[in-house]
Amino acid sequence: MTLVAATARVTISNYLSAVIQVYVVLIFAWIVLQWLINFGVRLPYSRATDAIIGFLRDVCEPFLRIFRPLAPRLGGLDLSPMIAIIVLELVNDFLVQGLLHG
């Protein structure tokens, strides 16, 4: 029974860690895409581009909106993605690794 519980705990912690890492990659993709849009590098009237932008916005914005009031605004620079990534990495380090070793 103990072996089954340990295996389940390892599986769950690996899954949570992978989900967090994928979400961090999606936030990085959102950041790069926003920079490209701000610099004017975007195909106009492209359905594929609009679908990617819509997906990343729908996935990233609700989580980033939590950190916008906490992040200082430096001109036009939004630091909320950086704070969100730091929080995700801290959750990964403490919660997931605690689950793994706890």
PDB file of N, CA and C in Angstrom:
ATOM      1  N   MET A   1       0.822  -1.200   0.000  1.00  0.00           N
ATOM      2  CA  MET A   1       0.000   0.000   0.000  1.00  0.00           C
ATOM      3  C   MET A   1       0.864   1.260   0.000  1.00  0.00           C
ATOM      4  N   THR A   2       1.969   1.207   0.750  1.00  0.00           N
ATOM      5  CA  THR A   2       2.854   2.356   0.812  1.00  0.00           C
ATOM      6  C   THR A   2       3.516   2.619  -0.538  1.00  0.00           C
ATOM      7  N   LEU A   3       3.859   1.563  -1.241  1.00  0.00           N
ATOM      8  CA  LEU A   3       4.486   1.700  -2.557  1.00  0.00           C
ATOM      9  C   LEU A   3       3.516   2.330  -3.552  1.00  0.00           C
ATOM     10  N   VAL A   4       2.258   1.947  -3.473  1.00  0.00           N
ATOM     11  CA  VAL A   4       1.241   2.520  -4.366  1.00  0.00           C
ATOM     12  C   VAL A   4       1.053   4.003  -4.068  1.00  0.00           C
ATOM     13  N   ALA A   5       1.012   4.371  -2.794  1.00  0.00           N
ATOM     14  CA  ALA A   5       0.856   5.780  -2.429  1.00  0.00           C
ATOM     15  C   ALA A   5       2.066   6.595  -2.866  1.00  0.00           C
ATOM     16  N   ALA A   6       3.263   6.032  -2.722  1.00  0.00           N
ATOM     17  CA  ALA A   6       4.479   6.741  -3.139  1.00  0.00           C
ATOM     18  C   ALA A   6       4.509   6.903  -4.651  1.00  0.00           C
ATOM     19  N   THR A   7       4.109   5.877  -5.373  1.00  0.00           N
ATOM     20  CA  THR A   7       4.074   5.958  -6.833  1.00  0.00           C
ATOM     21  C   THR A   7       3.042   6.981  -7.292  1.00  0.00           C
ATOM     22  N   ALA A   8       1.894   6.999  -6.651  1.00  0.00           N
ATOM     23  CA  ALA A   8       0.863   7.977  -7.008  1.00  0.00           C
ATOM     24  C   ALA A   8       1.338   9.392  -6.717  1.00  0.00           C
ATOM     25  N   ARG A   9       2.026   9.574  -5.585  1.00  0.00           N
ATOM     26  CA  ARG A   9       2.531  10.903  -5.228  1.00  0.00           C
ATOM     27  C   ARG A   9       3.564  11.380  -6.244  1.00  0.00           C
ATOM     28  N   VAL A  10       4.441  10.494  -6.684  1.00  0.00           N
ATOM     29  CA  VAL A  10       5.450  10.845  -7.693  1.00  0.00           C
ATOM     30  C   VAL A  10       4.772  11.173  -9.016  1.00  0.00           C
ATOM     31  N   THR A  11       3.790  10.392  -9.404  1.00  0.00           N
ATOM     32  CA  THR A  11       3.081  10.633 -10.661  1.00  0.00           C
ATOM     33  C   THR A  11       2.353  11.980 -10.630  1.00  0.00           C
ATOM     34  N   ILE A  12       1.680  12.267  -9.535  1.00  0.00           N
ATOM     35  CA  ILE A  12       0.958  13.537  -9.413  1.00  0.00           C
ATOM     36  C   ILE A  12       1.925  14.716  -9.415  1.00  0.00           C
ATOM     37  N   SER A  13       3.029  14.605  -8.696  1.00  0.00           N
ATOM     38  CA  SER A  13       3.980  15.717  -8.660  1.00  0.00           C
ATOM     39  C   SER A  13       4.634  15.925 -10.021  1.00  0.00           C
ATOM     40  N   ASN A  14       4.928  14.847 -10.748  1.00  0.00           N
ATOM     41  CA  ASN A  14       5.485  14.997 -12.097  1.00  0.00           C
ATOM     42  C   ASN A  14       4.488  15.647 -13.042  1.00  0.00           C
ATOM     43  N   TYR A  15       3.214  15.272 -12.910  1.00  0.00           N
ATOM     44  CA  TYR A  15       2.169  15.866 -13.739  1.00  0.00           C
ATOM     45  C   TYR A  15       2.017  17.357 -13.446  1.00  0.00           C
ATOM     46  N   LEU A  16       1.946  17.726 -12.169  1.00  0.00           N
ATOM     47  CA  LEU A  16       1.811  19.136 -11.799  1.00  0.00           C
ATOM     48  C   LEU A  16       3.016  19.952 -12.253  1.00  0.00           C
ATOM     49  N   SER A  17       4.194  19.374 -12.126  1.00  0.00           N
ATOM     50  CA  SER A  17       5.401  20.071 -12.574  1.00  0.00           C
ATOM     51  C   SER A  17       5.369  20.297 -14.083  1.00  0.00           C
ATOM     52  N   ALA A  18       4.930  19.306 -14.839  1.00  0.00           N
ATOM     53  CA  ALA A  18       4.839  19.447 -16.294  1.00  0.00           C
ATOM     54  C   ALA A  18       3.798  20.498 -16.678  1.00  0.00           C
ATOM     55  N   VAL A  19       2.666  20.515 -15.988  1.00  0.00           N
ATOM     56  CA  VAL A  19       1.624  21.512 -16.275  1.00  0.00           C
ATOM     57  C   VAL A  19       2.152  22.920 -16.005  1.00  0.00           C
ATOM     58  N   ILE A  20       2.870  23.086 -14.908  1.00  0.00           N
ATOM     59  CA  ILE A  20       3.426  24.397 -14.582  1.00  0.00           C
ATOM     60  C   ILE A  20       4.443  24.822 -15.636  1.00  0.00           C
ATOM     61  N   GLN A  21       5.296  23.919 -16.071  1.00  0.00           N
ATOM     62  CA  GLN A  21       6.298  24.265 -17.076  1.00  0.00           C
ATOM     63  C   GLN A  21       5.659  24.611 -18.420  1.00  0.00           C
ATOM     64  N   VAL A  22       4.615  23.898 -18.795  1.00  0.00           N
ATOM     65  CA  VAL A  22       3.903  24.228 -20.034  1.00  0.00           C
ATOM     66  C   VAL A  22       3.266  25.607 -19.922  1.00  0.00           C
ATOM     67  N   TYR A  23       2.712  25.933 -18.774  1.00  0.00           N
ATOM     68  CA  TYR A  23       2.093  27.242 -18.584  1.00  0.00           C
ATOM     69  C   TYR A  23       3.134  28.362 -18.639  1.00  0.00           C
ATOM     70  N   VAL A  24       4.320  28.097 -18.108  1.00  0.00           N
ATOM     71  CA  VAL A  24       5.405  29.087 -18.193  1.00  0.00           C
ATOM     72  C   VAL A  24       5.794  29.303 -19.657  1.00  0.00           C
ATOM     73  N   VAL A  25       5.867  28.237 -20.439  1.00  0.00           N
ATOM     74  CA  VAL A  25       6.187  28.369 -21.865  1.00  0.00           C
ATOM     75  C   VAL A  25       5.094  29.157 -22.583  1.00  0.00           C
ATOM     76  N   LEU A  26       3.834  28.918 -22.232  1.00  0.00           N
ATOM     77  CA  LEU A  26       2.742  29.674 -22.848  1.00  0.00           C
ATOM     78  C   LEU A  26       2.825  31.159 -22.497  1.00  0.00           C
ATOM     79  N   ILE A  27       3.215  31.475 -21.275  1.00  0.00           N
ATOM     80  CA  ILE A  27       3.378  32.883 -20.889  1.00  0.00           C
ATOM     81  C   ILE A  27       4.524  33.514 -21.681  1.00  0.00           C
ATOM     82  N   PHE A  28       5.633  32.778 -21.854  1.00  0.00           N
ATOM     83  CA  PHE A  28       6.732  33.298 -22.673  1.00  0.00           C
ATOM     84  C   PHE A  28       6.281  33.521 -24.118  1.00  0.00           C
ATOM     85  N   ALA A  29       5.484  32.598 -24.660  1.00  0.00           N
ATOM     86  CA  ALA A  29       4.974  32.777 -26.021  1.00  0.00           C
ATOM     87  C   ALA A  29       4.080  34.007 -26.100  1.00  0.00           C
ATOM     88  N   TRP A  30       3.269  34.243 -25.065  1.00  0.00           N
ATOM     89  CA  TRP A  30       2.403  35.429 -25.020  1.00  0.00           C
ATOM     90  C   TRP A  30       3.238  36.708 -25.000  1.00  0.00           C
ATOM     91  N   ILE A  31       4.331  36.695 -24.226  1.00  0.00           N
ATOM     92  CA  ILE A  31       5.216  37.858 -24.152  1.00  0.00           C
ATOM     93  C   ILE A  31       5.831  38.148 -25.515  1.00  0.00           C
ATOM     94  N   VAL A  32       6.374  37.124 -26.152  1.00  0.00           N
ATOM     95  CA  VAL A  32       7.012  37.306 -27.471  1.00  0.00           C
ATOM     96  C   VAL A  32       5.991  37.771 -28.491  1.00  0.00           C
ATOM     97  N   LEU A  33       4.814  37.193 -28.461  1.00  0.00           N
ATOM     98  CA  LEU A  33       3.775  37.588 -29.402  1.00  0.00           C
ATOM     99  C   LEU A  33       3.356  39.038 -29.191  1.00  0.00           C
ATOM    100  N   GLN A  34       3.255  39.467 -27.944  1.00  0.00           N
ATOM    101  CA  GLN A  34       2.915  40.864 -27.670  1.00  0.00           C
ATOM    102  C   GLN A  34       3.998  41.808 -28.171  1.00  0.00           C
ATOM    103  N   TRP A  35       5.260  41.426 -28.008  1.00  0.00           N
ATOM    104  CA  TRP A  35       6.355  42.253 -28.534  1.00  0.00           C
ATOM    105  C   TRP A  35       6.275  42.351 -30.059  1.00  0.00           C
ATOM    106  N   LEU A  36       6.019  41.227 -30.717  1.00  0.00           N
ATOM    107  CA  LEU A  36       5.919  41.246 -32.176  1.00  0.00           C
ATOM    108  C   LEU A  36       4.758  42.117 -32.638  1.00  0.00           C
ATOM    109  N   ILE A  37       3.642  42.034 -31.943  1.00  0.00           N
ATOM    110  CA  ILE A  37       2.493  42.868 -32.304  1.00  0.00           C
ATOM    111  C   ILE A  37       2.818  44.339 -32.086  1.00  0.00           C
ATOM    112  N   ASN A  38       3.496  44.662 -30.988  1.00  0.00           N
ATOM    113  CA  ASN A  38       3.847  46.057 -30.706  1.00  0.00           C
ATOM    114  C   ASN A  38       4.846  46.611 -31.709  1.00  0.00           C
ATOM    115  N   PHE A  39       5.696  45.761 -32.269  1.00  0.00           N
ATOM    116  CA  PHE A  39       6.658  46.211 -33.278  1.00  0.00           C
ATOM    117  C   PHE A  39       6.078  46.164 -34.685  1.00  0.00           C
ATOM    118  N   GLY A  40       4.835  45.753 -34.816  1.00  0.00           N
ATOM    119  CA  GLY A  40       4.165  45.764 -36.113  1.00  0.00           C
ATOM    120  C   GLY A  40       4.440  44.543 -36.962  1.00  0.00           C
ATOM    121  N   VAL A  41       4.981  43.485 -36.395  1.00  0.00           N
ATOM    122  CA  VAL A  41       5.272  42.279 -37.158  1.00  0.00           C
ATOM    123  C   VAL A  41       4.097  41.314 -36.966  1.00  0.00           C
ATOM    124  N   ARG A  42       3.120  41.434 -37.829  1.00  0.00           N
ATOM    125  CA  ARG A  42       1.950  40.560 -37.756  1.00  0.00           C
ATOM    126  C   ARG A  42       1.298  40.506 -39.125  1.00  0.00           C
ATOM    127  N   LEU A  43       0.912  39.310 -39.509  1.00  0.00           N
ATOM    128  CA  LEU A  43       0.221  39.169 -40.777  1.00  0.00           C
ATOM    129  C   LEU A  43      -1.213  39.662 -40.621  1.00  0.00           C
ATOM    130  N   PRO A  44      -1.605  40.663 -41.388  1.00  0.00           N
ATOM    131  CA  PRO A  44      -2.980  41.142 -41.263  1.00  0.00           C
ATOM    132  C   PRO A  44      -3.971  40.141 -41.858  1.00  0.00           C
ATOM    133  N   TYR A  45      -5.102  40.009 -41.217  1.00  0.00           N
ATOM    134  CA  TYR A  45      -6.195  39.159 -41.687  1.00  0.00           C
ATOM    135  C   TYR A  45      -5.791  37.694 -41.818  1.00  0.00           C
ATOM    136  N   SER A  46      -4.908  37.250 -40.954  1.00  0.00           N
ATOM    137  CA  SER A  46      -4.484  35.855 -40.967  1.00  0.00           C
ATOM    138  C   SER A  46      -5.280  35.088 -39.908  1.00  0.00           C
ATOM    139  N   ARG A  47      -6.018  34.082 -40.331  1.00  0.00           N
ATOM    140  CA  ARG A  47      -6.824  33.313 -39.388  1.00  0.00           C
ATOM    141  C   ARG A  47      -5.955  32.523 -38.419  1.00  0.00           C
ATOM    142  N   ALA A  48      -4.834  32.016 -38.909  1.00  0.00           N
ATOM    143  CA  ALA A  48      -3.943  31.244 -38.039  1.00  0.00           C
ATOM    144  C   ALA A  48      -3.364  32.138 -36.946  1.00  0.00           C
ATOM    145  N   THR A  49      -2.920  33.312 -37.315  1.00  0.00           N
ATOM    146  CA  THR A  49      -2.367  34.248 -36.336  1.00  0.00           C
ATOM    147  C   THR A  49      -3.433  34.670 -35.336  1.00  0.00           C
ATOM    148  N   ASP A  50      -4.625  34.965 -35.838  1.00  0.00           N
ATOM    149  CA  ASP A  50      -5.714  35.349 -34.937  1.00  0.00           C
ATOM    150  C   ASP A  50      -6.085  34.217 -33.985  1.00  0.00           C
ATOM    151  N   ALA A  51      -6.030  32.975 -34.462  1.00  0.00           N
ATOM    152  CA  ALA A  51      -6.345  31.834 -33.604  1.00  0.00           C
ATOM    153  C   ALA A  51      -5.293  31.668 -32.511  1.00  0.00           C
ATOM    154  N   ILE A  52      -4.030  31.838 -32.879  1.00  0.00           N
ATOM    155  CA  ILE A  52      -2.947  31.721 -31.892  1.00  0.00           C
ATOM    156  C   ILE A  52      -3.041  32.836 -30.860  1.00  0.00           C
ATOM    157  N   ILE A  53      -3.271  34.057 -31.327  1.00  0.00           N
ATOM    158  CA  ILE A  53      -3.409  35.191 -30.415  1.00  0.00           C
ATOM    159  C   ILE A  53      -4.596  34.985 -29.477  1.00  0.00           C
ATOM    160  N   GLY A  54      -5.701  34.544 -30.021  1.00  0.00           N
ATOM    161  CA  GLY A  54      -6.890  34.305 -29.203  1.00  0.00           C
ATOM    162  C   GLY A  54      -6.664  33.217 -28.167  1.00  0.00           C
ATOM    163  N   PHE A  55      -6.010  32.128 -28.568  1.00  0.00           N
ATOM    164  CA  PHE A  55      -5.733  31.040 -27.633  1.00  0.00           C
ATOM    165  C   PHE A  55      -4.828  31.508 -26.507  1.00  0.00           C
ATOM    166  N   LEU A  56      -3.729  32.164 -26.848  1.00  0.00           N
ATOM    167  CA  LEU A  56      -2.788  32.615 -25.815  1.00  0.00           C
ATOM    168  C   LEU A  56      -3.427  33.660 -24.905  1.00  0.00           C
ATOM    169  N   ARG A  57      -4.236  34.537 -25.472  1.00  0.00           N
ATOM    170  CA  ARG A  57      -4.919  35.532 -24.653  1.00  0.00           C
ATOM    171  C   ARG A  57      -5.887  34.858 -23.680  1.00  0.00           C
ATOM    172  N   ASP A  58      -6.667  33.908 -24.176  1.00  0.00           N
ATOM    173  CA  ASP A  58      -7.641  33.219 -23.327  1.00  0.00           C
ATOM    174  C   ASP A  58      -6.972  32.390 -22.237  1.00  0.00           C
ATOM    175  N   VAL A  59      -5.786  31.862 -22.507  1.00  0.00           N
ATOM    176  CA  VAL A  59      -5.094  31.020 -21.539  1.00  0.00           C
ATOM    177  C   VAL A  59      -4.295  31.852 -20.540  1.00  0.00           C
ATOM    178  N   CYS A  60      -3.625  32.887 -21.001  1.00  0.00           N
ATOM    179  CA  CYS A  60      -2.682  33.623 -20.148  1.00  0.00           C
ATOM    180  C   CYS A  60      -3.299  34.810 -19.416  1.00  0.00           C
ATOM    181  N   GLU A  61      -4.187  35.527 -20.048  1.00  0.00           N
ATOM    182  CA  GLU A  61      -4.696  36.768 -19.458  1.00  0.00           C
ATOM    183  C   GLU A  61      -5.399  36.608 -18.106  1.00  0.00           C
ATOM    184  N   PRO A  62      -6.232  35.582 -17.902  1.00  0.00           N
ATOM    185  CA  PRO A  62      -6.868  35.488 -16.576  1.00  0.00           C
ATOM    186  C   PRO A  62      -5.858  35.337 -15.438  1.00  0.00           C
ATOM    187  N   PHE A  63      -4.787  34.592 -15.676  1.00  0.00           N
ATOM    188  CA  PHE A  63      -3.770  34.425 -14.643  1.00  0.00           C
ATOM    189  C   PHE A  63      -2.920  35.685 -14.490  1.00  0.00           C
ATOM    190  N   LEU A  64      -2.571  36.328 -15.593  1.00  0.00           N
ATOM    191  CA  LEU A  64      -1.754  37.545 -15.526  1.00  0.00           C
ATOM    192  C   LEU A  64      -2.529  38.707 -14.916  1.00  0.00           C
ATOM    193  N   ARG A  65      -3.849  38.712 -15.083  1.00  0.00           N
ATOM    194  CA  ARG A  65      -4.677  39.776 -14.527  1.00  0.00           C
ATOM    195  C   ARG A  65      -4.599  39.828 -13.000  1.00  0.00           C
ATOM    196  N   ILE A  66      -4.308  38.699 -12.378  1.00  0.00           N
ATOM    197  CA  ILE A  66      -4.154  38.644 -10.923  1.00  0.00           C
ATOM    198  C   ILE A  66      -2.969  39.496 -10.482  1.00  0.00           C
ATOM    199  N   PHE A  67      -1.902  39.517 -11.277  1.00  0.00           N
ATOM    200  CA  PHE A  67      -0.653  40.161 -10.882  1.00  0.00           C
ATOM    201  C   PHE A  67      -0.517  41.588 -11.396  1.00  0.00           C
ATOM    202  N   ARG A  68      -1.413  42.046 -12.248  1.00  0.00           N
ATOM    203  CA  ARG A  68      -1.308  43.414 -12.781  1.00  0.00           C
ATOM    204  C   ARG A  68      -1.365  44.486 -11.708  1.00  0.00           C
ATOM    205  N   PRO A  69      -2.242  44.381 -10.694  1.00  0.00           N
ATOM    206  CA  PRO A  69      -2.223  45.412  -9.644  1.00  0.00           C
ATOM    207  C   PRO A  69      -0.950  45.375  -8.798  1.00  0.00           C
ATOM    208  N   LEU A  70      -0.290  44.244  -8.723  1.00  0.00           N
ATOM    209  CA  LEU A  70       0.919  44.108  -7.911  1.00  0.00           C
ATOM    210  C   LEU A  70       2.177  44.561  -8.640  1.00  0.00           C
ATOM    211  N   ALA A  71       2.145  44.498  -9.957  1.00  0.00           N
ATOM    212  CA  ALA A  71       3.333  44.795 -10.758  1.00  0.00           C
ATOM    213  C   ALA A  71       3.442  46.294 -11.011  1.00  0.00           C
ATOM    214  N   PRO A  72       4.630  46.853 -10.807  1.00  0.00           N
ATOM    215  CA  PRO A  72       4.806  48.272 -11.135  1.00  0.00           C
ATOM    216  C   PRO A  72       4.826  48.472 -12.646  1.00  0.00           C
ATOM    217  N   ARG A  73       4.278  49.583 -13.091  1.00  0.00           N
ATOM    218  CA  ARG A  73       4.296  49.907 -14.515  1.00  0.00           C
ATOM    219  C   ARG A  73       5.513  50.777 -14.792  1.00  0.00           C
ATOM    220  N   LEU A  74       6.329  50.335 -15.690  1.00  0.00           N
ATOM    221  CA  LEU A  74       7.510  51.084 -16.100  1.00  0.00           C
ATOM    222  C   LEU A  74       7.297  51.563 -17.525  1.00  0.00           C
ATOM    223  N   GLY A  75       6.662  52.701 -17.644  1.00  0.00           N
ATOM    224  CA  GLY A  75       6.317  53.195 -18.967  1.00  0.00           C
ATOM    225  C   GLY A  75       5.282  52.282 -19.591  1.00  0.00           C
ATOM    226  N   GLY A  76       5.599  51.702 -20.729  1.00  0.00           N
ATOM    227  CA  GLY A  76       4.703  50.760 -21.384  1.00  0.00           C
ATOM    228  C   GLY A  76       5.041  49.314 -21.088  1.00  0.00           C
ATOM    229  N   LEU A  77       5.987  49.092 -20.184  1.00  0.00           N
ATOM    230  CA  LEU A  77       6.448  47.738 -19.884  1.00  0.00           C
ATOM    231  C   LEU A  77       5.579  47.107 -18.795  1.00  0.00           C
ATOM    232  N   ASP A  78       5.046  45.943 -19.077  1.00  0.00           N
ATOM    233  CA  ASP A  78       4.193  45.220 -18.133  1.00  0.00           C
ATOM    234  C   ASP A  78       5.036  44.130 -17.466  1.00  0.00           C
ATOM    235  N   LEU A  79       5.190  44.209 -16.158  1.00  0.00           N
ATOM    236  CA  LEU A  79       6.009  43.247 -15.429  1.00  0.00           C
ATOM    237  C   LEU A  79       5.197  42.107 -14.820  1.00  0.00           C
ATOM    238  N   SER A  80       3.899  42.089 -15.053  1.00  0.00           N
ATOM    239  CA  SER A  80       3.074  41.031 -14.471  1.00  0.00           C
ATOM    240  C   SER A  80       3.442  39.635 -14.967  1.00  0.00           C
ATOM    241  N   PRO A  81       3.867  39.432 -16.233  1.00  0.00           N
ATOM    242  CA  PRO A  81       4.293  38.083 -16.620  1.00  0.00           C
ATOM    243  C   PRO A  81       5.515  37.601 -15.846  1.00  0.00           C
ATOM    244  N   MET A  82       6.423  38.506 -15.546  1.00  0.00           N
ATOM    245  CA  MET A  82       7.613  38.115 -14.790  1.00  0.00           C
ATOM    246  C   MET A  82       7.229  37.683 -13.372  1.00  0.00           C
ATOM    247  N   ILE A  83       6.336  38.430 -12.747  1.00  0.00           N
ATOM    248  CA  ILE A  83       5.881  38.069 -11.403  1.00  0.00           C
ATOM    249  C   ILE A  83       5.110  36.749 -11.443  1.00  0.00           C
ATOM    250  N   ALA A  84       4.294  36.557 -12.467  1.00  0.00           N
ATOM    251  CA  ALA A  84       3.532  35.316 -12.596  1.00  0.00           C
ATOM    252  C   ALA A  84       4.462  34.115 -12.773  1.00  0.00           C
ATOM    253  N   ILE A  85       5.506  34.264 -13.562  1.00  0.00           N
ATOM    254  CA  ILE A  85       6.460  33.173 -13.768  1.00  0.00           C
ATOM    255  C   ILE A  85       7.211  32.871 -12.474  1.00  0.00           C
ATOM    256  N   ILE A  86       7.578  33.898 -11.740  1.00  0.00           N
ATOM    257  CA  ILE A  86       8.258  33.676 -10.449  1.00  0.00           C
ATOM    258  C   ILE A  86       7.338  32.928  -9.494  1.00  0.00           C
ATOM    259  N   VAL A  87       6.069  33.314  -9.437  1.00  0.00           N
ATOM    260  CA  VAL A  87       5.111  32.628  -8.560  1.00  0.00           C
ATOM    261  C   VAL A  87       4.942  31.174  -8.992  1.00  0.00           C
ATOM    262  N   LEU A  88       4.833  30.928 -10.292  1.00  0.00           N
ATOM    263  CA  LEU A  88       4.701  29.554 -10.768  1.00  0.00           C
ATOM    264  C   LEU A  88       5.922  28.711 -10.417  1.00  0.00           C
ATOM    265  N   GLU A  89       7.106  29.290 -10.554  1.00  0.00           N
ATOM    266  CA  GLU A  89       8.317  28.544 -10.209  1.00  0.00           C
ATOM    267  C   GLU A  89       8.397  28.287  -8.710  1.00  0.00           C
ATOM    268  N   LEU A  90       7.960  29.247  -7.901  1.00  0.00           N
ATOM    269  CA  LEU A  90       7.934  29.016  -6.449  1.00  0.00           C
ATOM    270  C   LEU A  90       6.938  27.920  -6.078  1.00  0.00           C
ATOM    271  N   VAL A  91       5.784  27.926  -6.730  1.00  0.00           N
ATOM    272  CA  VAL A  91       4.803  26.863  -6.494  1.00  0.00           C
ATOM    273  C   VAL A  91       5.392  25.519  -6.899  1.00  0.00           C
ATOM    274  N   ASN A  92       6.094  25.510  -8.016  1.00  0.00           N
ATOM    275  CA  ASN A  92       6.722  24.269  -8.464  1.00  0.00           C
ATOM    276  C   ASN A  92       7.785  23.803  -7.466  1.00  0.00           C
ATOM    277  N   ASP A  93       8.575  24.730  -6.976  1.00  0.00           N
ATOM    278  CA  ASP A  93       9.647  24.357  -6.049  1.00  0.00           C
ATOM    279  C   ASP A  93       9.111  23.885  -4.706  1.00  0.00           C
ATOM    280  N   PHE A  94       8.188  24.623  -4.136  1.00  0.00           N
ATOM    281  CA  PHE A  94       7.758  24.309  -2.779  1.00  0.00           C
ATOM    282  C   PHE A  94       6.609  23.305  -2.728  1.00  0.00           C
ATOM    283  N   LEU A  95       5.551  23.545  -3.465  1.00  0.00           N
ATOM    284  CA  LEU A  95       4.377  22.687  -3.369  1.00  0.00           C
ATOM    285  C   LEU A  95       4.605  21.345  -4.047  1.00  0.00           C
ATOM    286  N   VAL A  96       5.026  21.376  -5.288  1.00  0.00           N
ATOM    287  CA  VAL A  96       5.182  20.130  -6.035  1.00  0.00           C
ATOM    288  C   VAL A  96       6.342  19.308  -5.496  1.00  0.00           C
ATOM    289  N   GLN A  97       7.457  19.941  -5.246  1.00  0.00           N
ATOM    290  CA  GLN A  97       8.598  19.197  -4.713  1.00  0.00           C
ATOM    291  C   GLN A  97       8.329  18.746  -3.264  1.00  0.00           C
ATOM    292  N   GLY A  98       7.541  19.527  -2.526  1.00  0.00           N
ATOM    293  CA  GLY A  98       7.130  19.106  -1.191  1.00  0.00           C
ATOM    294  C   GLY A  98       6.221  17.890  -1.254  1.00  0.00           C
ATOM    295  N   LEU A  99       5.366  17.866  -2.256  1.00  0.00           N
ATOM    296  CA  LEU A  99       4.506  16.704  -2.463  1.00  0.00           C
ATOM    297  C   LEU A  99       5.338  15.484  -2.831  1.00  0.00           C
ATOM    298  N   LEU A 100       6.367  15.724  -3.610  1.00  0.00           N
ATOM    299  CA  LEU A 100       7.230  14.628  -4.045  1.00  0.00           C
ATOM    300  C   LEU A 100       8.005  14.034  -2.874  1.00  0.00           C
ATOM    301  N   HIS A 101       8.538  14.900  -2.013  1.00  0.00           N
ATOM    302  CA  HIS A 101       9.378  14.434  -0.903  1.00  0.00           C
ATOM    303  C   HIS A 101       8.620  14.291   0.413  1.00  0.00           C
ATOM    304  N   GLY A 102       7.369  14.749   0.439  1.00  0.00           N
ATOM    305  CA  GLY A 102       6.625  14.771   1.692  1.00  0.00           C
ATOM    306  C   GLY A 102       5.952  13.493   1.949  1.00  0.00           C
TER     307      GLY A 102
END
